[in-house]
Protein backbone atom coordinates (compact mmCIF):
# COMPACT_ATOMS: atom_id res chain seq x y z
CA UNK A 1 9.85 -7.35 28.09
CA UNK A 2 7.52 -5.92 25.11
CA UNK A 3 6.48 -6.57 21.60
CA UNK A 4 6.45 -4.24 18.44
CA UNK A 5 4.75 -4.09 15.32
CA UNK A 6 5.61 -2.60 11.54
CA UNK A 7 3.33 -2.74 8.57
CA UNK A 8 4.07 -1.08 5.38
CA UNK A 9 1.87 -0.96 2.26
CA UNK A 10 3.15 -3.45 -0.57
CA UNK A 11 4.13 -0.71 -3.48
CA UNK A 12 2.11 1.67 -2.59
CA UNK A 13 4.92 4.42 -4.07
CA UNK A 14 3.56 2.94 -7.61
CA UNK A 15 -0.12 2.89 -6.25
CA UNK A 16 0.64 6.85 -5.33
CA UNK A 17 1.83 7.97 -8.77
CA UNK A 18 -1.32 6.43 -10.21
CA UNK A 19 -3.59 9.57 -8.01
CA UNK A 20 -4.68 13.25 -7.34
CA UNK A 21 -2.94 13.58 -3.78
CA UNK A 22 -6.19 14.91 -2.65
CA UNK A 23 -7.28 10.83 -2.77
CA UNK A 24 -4.60 9.23 -1.91
CA UNK A 25 -4.59 11.82 1.37
CA UNK A 26 -8.15 10.57 2.02
CA UNK A 27 -7.65 6.87 1.28
CA UNK A 28 -4.88 6.31 3.22
CA UNK A 29 -6.18 8.88 5.63
CA UNK A 30 -8.74 6.59 6.23
CA UNK A 31 -6.38 3.09 6.01
CA UNK A 32 -4.27 4.55 8.71
CA UNK A 33 -7.82 5.66 10.96
CA UNK A 34 -8.96 1.67 10.44
CA UNK A 35 -6.07 0.09 11.41
CA UNK A 36 -5.32 2.61 14.06
CA UNK A 37 -8.47 1.27 15.46
CA UNK A 38 -7.36 -2.09 15.90
CA UNK A 39 -4.32 -1.18 17.43
CA UNK A 40 -5.92 0.53 20.18
CA UNK A 41 -8.37 -2.06 20.60
CA UNK A 42 -6.31 -4.74 21.54
CA UNK A 43 -4.13 -2.17 24.22
CA UNK A 44 -1.46 -1.41 21.84
CA UNK A 45 -0.39 2.27 21.42
CA UNK A 46 0.90 3.87 17.82
CA UNK A 47 4.59 4.85 17.82
CA UNK A 48 4.72 6.74 14.88
CA UNK A 49 3.67 6.92 10.89
CA UNK A 50 5.35 6.74 8.17
CA UNK A 51 4.38 7.69 5.18
CA UNK A 52 2.02 4.82 4.79
CA UNK A 53 4.05 2.52 7.54
CA UNK A 54 3.21 1.96 11.22
CA UNK A 55 4.89 1.32 14.18
CA UNK A 56 3.17 0.12 17.36
CA UNK A 57 4.19 -0.84 20.55
CA UNK A 58 2.66 -3.41 23.04
CA UNK A 59 2.85 -3.67 26.60
CA UNK A 60 3.17 -0.05 27.86
CA UNK A 61 3.63 1.79 29.52
CA UNK A 62 0.93 -0.22 31.42
CA UNK A 63 2.47 -3.54 31.18
CA UNK A 64 0.35 -5.99 29.88
CA UNK A 65 1.35 -9.77 30.39
CA UNK A 66 0.25 -11.02 27.22
CA UNK A 67 1.50 -8.14 25.03
CA UNK A 68 2.77 -10.65 22.13
CA UNK A 69 -0.49 -12.27 21.49
CA UNK A 70 -2.16 -9.00 21.45
CA UNK A 71 0.38 -7.44 18.93
CA UNK A 72 -0.53 -10.94 16.66
CA UNK A 73 -4.27 -10.65 17.09
CA UNK A 74 -3.93 -7.03 16.09
CA UNK A 75 -1.88 -8.17 12.78
CA UNK A 76 -4.05 -10.35 11.44
CA UNK A 77 -7.27 -8.72 12.77
CA UNK A 78 -5.43 -5.48 10.15
CA UNK A 79 -4.72 -8.28 7.13
CA UNK A 80 -8.42 -9.26 7.49
CA UNK A 81 -10.00 -5.34 7.87
CA UNK A 82 -7.65 -4.57 4.96
CA UNK A 83 -9.30 -7.38 2.78
CA UNK A 84 -12.84 -6.13 3.67
CA UNK A 85 -12.09 -2.58 2.93
CA UNK A 86 -10.09 -2.86 -0.50
CA UNK A 87 -13.80 -4.44 -1.38
CA UNK A 88 -15.44 -1.83 -0.03
CA UNK A 89 -12.50 0.43 -2.10
CA UNK A 90 -12.54 -1.22 -5.40
CA UNK A 91 -16.62 -0.54 -6.00
CA UNK A 92 -14.96 3.09 -5.78
CA UNK A 93 -12.74 2.37 -8.56
CA UNK A 94 -9.63 2.45 -6.48
CA UNK A 95 -7.19 0.24 -5.99
CA UNK A 96 -6.24 -2.48 -3.93
CA UNK A 97 -3.94 -2.22 -0.84
CA UNK A 98 -1.64 -5.26 0.72
CA UNK A 99 0.42 -4.34 3.30
CA UNK A 100 2.86 -6.77 5.36
CA UNK A 101 3.75 -7.01 8.84
CA UNK A 102 6.97 -7.94 10.87
CA UNK A 103 6.84 -8.52 15.19
CA UNK A 104 9.28 -9.62 17.38
CA UNK A 105 9.55 -9.39 20.90
CA UNK A 106 12.40 -8.37 22.94
CA UNK A 107 13.59 -5.74 25.26
CA UNK A 108 13.33 -2.44 24.19
CA UNK A 109 14.29 1.04 25.75
CA UNK A 110 11.08 2.89 25.68
CA UNK A 111 11.13 6.74 26.42
CA UNK A 112 11.27 10.41 24.89
CA UNK A 113 13.84 10.61 22.79
CA UNK A 114 15.53 12.95 20.32
CA UNK A 115 16.45 16.80 20.90
CA UNK A 116 15.60 19.33 23.63
CA UNK A 117 13.73 20.75 21.69
CA UNK A 118 12.25 18.00 19.36
CA UNK A 119 11.26 14.45 20.33
CA UNK A 120 9.33 11.48 20.63
CA UNK A 121 8.30 8.74 22.84
CA UNK A 122 9.28 5.43 21.46
CA UNK A 123 11.40 2.27 21.38
CA UNK A 124 14.80 1.78 20.66
CA UNK A 125 16.93 -1.73 20.24
CA UNK A 126 18.12 -4.53 18.60
CA UNK A 127 14.28 -5.76 18.72
CA UNK A 128 12.89 -3.41 17.42
CA UNK A 129 15.68 -3.61 14.23
CA UNK A 130 14.75 -7.46 13.54
CA UNK A 131 10.85 -6.08 13.94
CA UNK A 132 11.48 -3.56 11.40
CA UNK A 133 13.39 -6.24 9.17
CA UNK A 134 11.01 -8.76 9.57
CA UNK A 135 8.40 -6.35 8.31
CA UNK A 136 10.36 -6.47 4.75
CA UNK A 137 11.70 -9.98 4.61
CA UNK A 138 7.74 -10.57 4.16
CA UNK A 139 8.69 -10.15 0.15
CA UNK A 140 11.49 -12.67 0.09
CA UNK A 141 8.40 -15.58 0.44
CA UNK A 142 5.08 -13.48 -0.32
CA UNK A 143 3.98 -14.02 3.05
CA UNK A 144 1.97 -11.02 5.14
CA UNK A 145 2.39 -11.77 8.42
CA UNK A 146 5.69 -12.93 9.71
CA UNK A 147 7.06 -13.37 13.33
CA UNK A 148 10.29 -14.05 15.17
CA UNK A 149 10.38 -17.18 17.41
CA UNK A 150 10.20 -14.71 20.49
CA UNK A 151 7.01 -13.50 19.61
CA UNK A 152 6.37 -17.17 18.85
CA UNK A 153 7.39 -18.54 22.39
CA UNK A 154 4.84 -16.16 24.50
CA UNK A 155 1.76 -17.63 22.07
CA UNK A 156 -0.80 -19.95 23.54
CA UNK A 157 -0.42 -22.63 21.49
CA UNK A 158 -3.92 -23.69 20.11
CA UNK A 159 -4.86 -19.77 19.74
CA UNK A 160 -2.66 -19.28 16.12
CA UNK A 161 -2.64 -20.94 12.77
CA UNK A 162 1.19 -20.58 12.58
CA UNK A 163 4.43 -22.28 10.38
CA UNK A 164 7.83 -22.51 10.49
CA UNK A 165 8.81 -20.72 7.77
CA UNK A 166 13.07 -20.11 7.99
CA UNK A 167 16.12 -19.32 9.83
CA UNK A 168 17.80 -16.43 8.52
CA UNK A 169 20.32 -13.58 9.64
CA UNK A 170 19.00 -10.03 8.75
CA UNK A 171 21.14 -7.43 7.51
CA UNK A 172 23.69 -5.80 9.41
CA UNK A 173 23.08 -9.34 11.91
CA UNK A 174 24.85 -12.46 12.57
CA UNK A 175 22.86 -13.92 15.24
CA UNK A 176 20.56 -16.36 13.23
CA UNK A 177 17.17 -16.34 14.44
CA UNK A 178 13.76 -18.44 13.27
CA UNK A 179 10.50 -16.46 11.69
CA UNK A 180 6.60 -18.04 11.18
CA UNK A 181 4.17 -17.30 9.30
CA UNK A 182 1.38 -16.62 11.07
CA UNK A 183 -1.48 -17.52 8.63
CA UNK A 184 -4.91 -17.69 10.99
CA UNK A 185 -6.55 -17.93 13.45
CA UNK A 186 -7.17 -21.83 15.08
CA UNK A 187 -10.34 -21.10 15.14
CA UNK A 188 -11.21 -19.94 12.15
CA UNK A 189 -11.48 -23.05 8.95
CA UNK A 190 -8.85 -23.55 6.20
CA UNK A 191 -8.95 -24.87 2.90
CA UNK A 192 -7.85 -28.77 2.75
CA UNK A 193 -5.32 -28.30 0.31
CA UNK A 194 -3.74 -25.06 2.13
CA UNK A 195 -3.51 -27.22 5.42
CA UNK A 196 -1.79 -29.60 3.24
CA UNK A 197 0.67 -27.85 2.20
CA UNK A 198 1.70 -26.09 5.58
CA UNK A 199 1.84 -29.57 7.03
CA UNK A 200 4.18 -30.48 4.02
CA UNK A 201 6.46 -27.29 4.43
CA UNK A 202 6.80 -28.00 8.33
CA UNK A 203 7.80 -31.65 7.66
CA UNK A 204 10.31 -30.43 5.18
CA UNK A 205 11.75 -27.44 7.11
CA UNK A 206 12.35 -30.32 9.71
CA UNK A 207 14.21 -32.34 7.18
CA UNK A 208 16.12 -30.24 5.99
CA UNK A 209 17.26 -28.42 9.62
CA UNK A 210 18.46 -32.32 10.23
CA UNK A 211 20.13 -32.39 7.26
CA UNK A 212 18.02 -35.04 5.45
CA UNK A 213 17.61 -32.81 2.41
CA UNK A 214 16.55 -35.92 0.23
CA UNK A 215 13.84 -35.83 2.32
CA UNK A 216 13.09 -32.25 2.06
CA UNK A 217 13.62 -31.94 -1.38
CA UNK A 218 11.17 -34.20 -2.28
CA UNK A 219 8.34 -32.52 0.86
CA UNK A 220 9.09 -29.37 -0.71
CA UNK A 221 8.74 -30.36 -4.08
CA UNK A 222 5.66 -31.51 -2.91
CA UNK A 223 4.70 -28.21 -1.42
CA UNK A 224 5.47 -26.74 -4.61
CA UNK A 225 2.75 -29.14 -5.72
CA UNK A 226 0.00 -27.91 -4.03
CA UNK A 227 0.81 -24.25 -4.36
CA UNK A 228 2.07 -23.65 -7.32
CA UNK A 229 5.55 -20.58 -7.67
CA UNK A 230 5.69 -20.76 -3.84
CA UNK A 231 8.32 -18.72 -3.09
CA UNK A 232 9.36 -20.89 0.16
CA UNK A 233 9.34 -23.95 -1.02
CA UNK A 234 11.94 -22.58 -4.23
CA UNK A 235 13.99 -21.32 -2.32
CA UNK A 236 14.59 -23.87 0.37
CA UNK A 237 14.81 -26.04 -3.23
CA UNK A 238 17.50 -24.06 -4.83
CA UNK A 239 19.52 -23.50 -1.10
CA UNK A 240 19.86 -27.44 -1.32
CA UNK A 241 21.33 -27.61 -4.49
CA UNK A 242 23.96 -25.11 -3.28
CA UNK A 243 24.56 -27.54 -0.15
CA UNK A 244 26.54 -30.55 0.06
CA UNK A 245 24.90 -32.00 3.46
CA UNK A 246 28.33 -33.57 4.60
CA UNK A 247 30.35 -30.83 4.16
CA UNK A 248 28.16 -28.72 6.46
CA UNK A 249 29.94 -27.20 9.53
CA UNK A 250 29.06 -29.17 13.34
CA UNK A 251 27.69 -25.62 14.47
CA UNK A 252 25.43 -25.66 11.40
CA UNK A 253 22.17 -24.14 11.90
CA UNK A 254 20.43 -24.03 8.23
CA UNK A 255 20.51 -20.04 8.64
CA UNK A 256 19.85 -17.98 5.01
CA UNK A 257 21.32 -14.53 5.01
CA UNK A 258 19.46 -11.36 3.86
CA UNK A 259 21.25 -9.40 1.81
CA UNK A 260 18.70 -6.81 2.02
CA UNK A 261 17.08 -4.52 4.63
């Protein structure tokens, strides 16, 4: 059992088109160095870089019992450090960078893979693919750190601030998975309005899964009043408008299929 983390910068292609090559390389190298320091500090290993994307694993080659917790803490600190770097870069006239992160826990195949001539020490498997899909799924909800229910189940209950976000079926998969947003460490203070928003959204989602669409719709509208133009709340309201609670099959799980990677 391991945990894998994928991160990717938002709109980096557009940003790169506006920068000179030497400036772009300097910025990217600084970003990757800072993020790598955080991964390594929490016992993770860098699997590979793909342009501005990072793939990292926790729990190997030496087993670590709290690999999921380390990965989530890494994700939060990556986001926090990137915010600090952006303030420094802004003073130099450099663009703001934001990254999306997806994390999943599960069984994976680990080892040297490739050809006889060239190979990587890496992981493969459905659990790896899901983490990659969760990274990109952040776009739909305007979130920046999404984890699977499997990862969420391995976390200490009083360690992180999380909220259930949705039940999704990623492209190419028929099995639904509940996903969560991680929006902070429990020790960190949170704005009262934000706390009310997350609590209201949670109540709405519980009502949605229970097929109490009238209650759910009211709660999501309330959440939307607390966070205007919130894609997650709008998504749920629009979805329920296309569902008949009386005509749902007995095995309805509330899931929504994602049609893009």
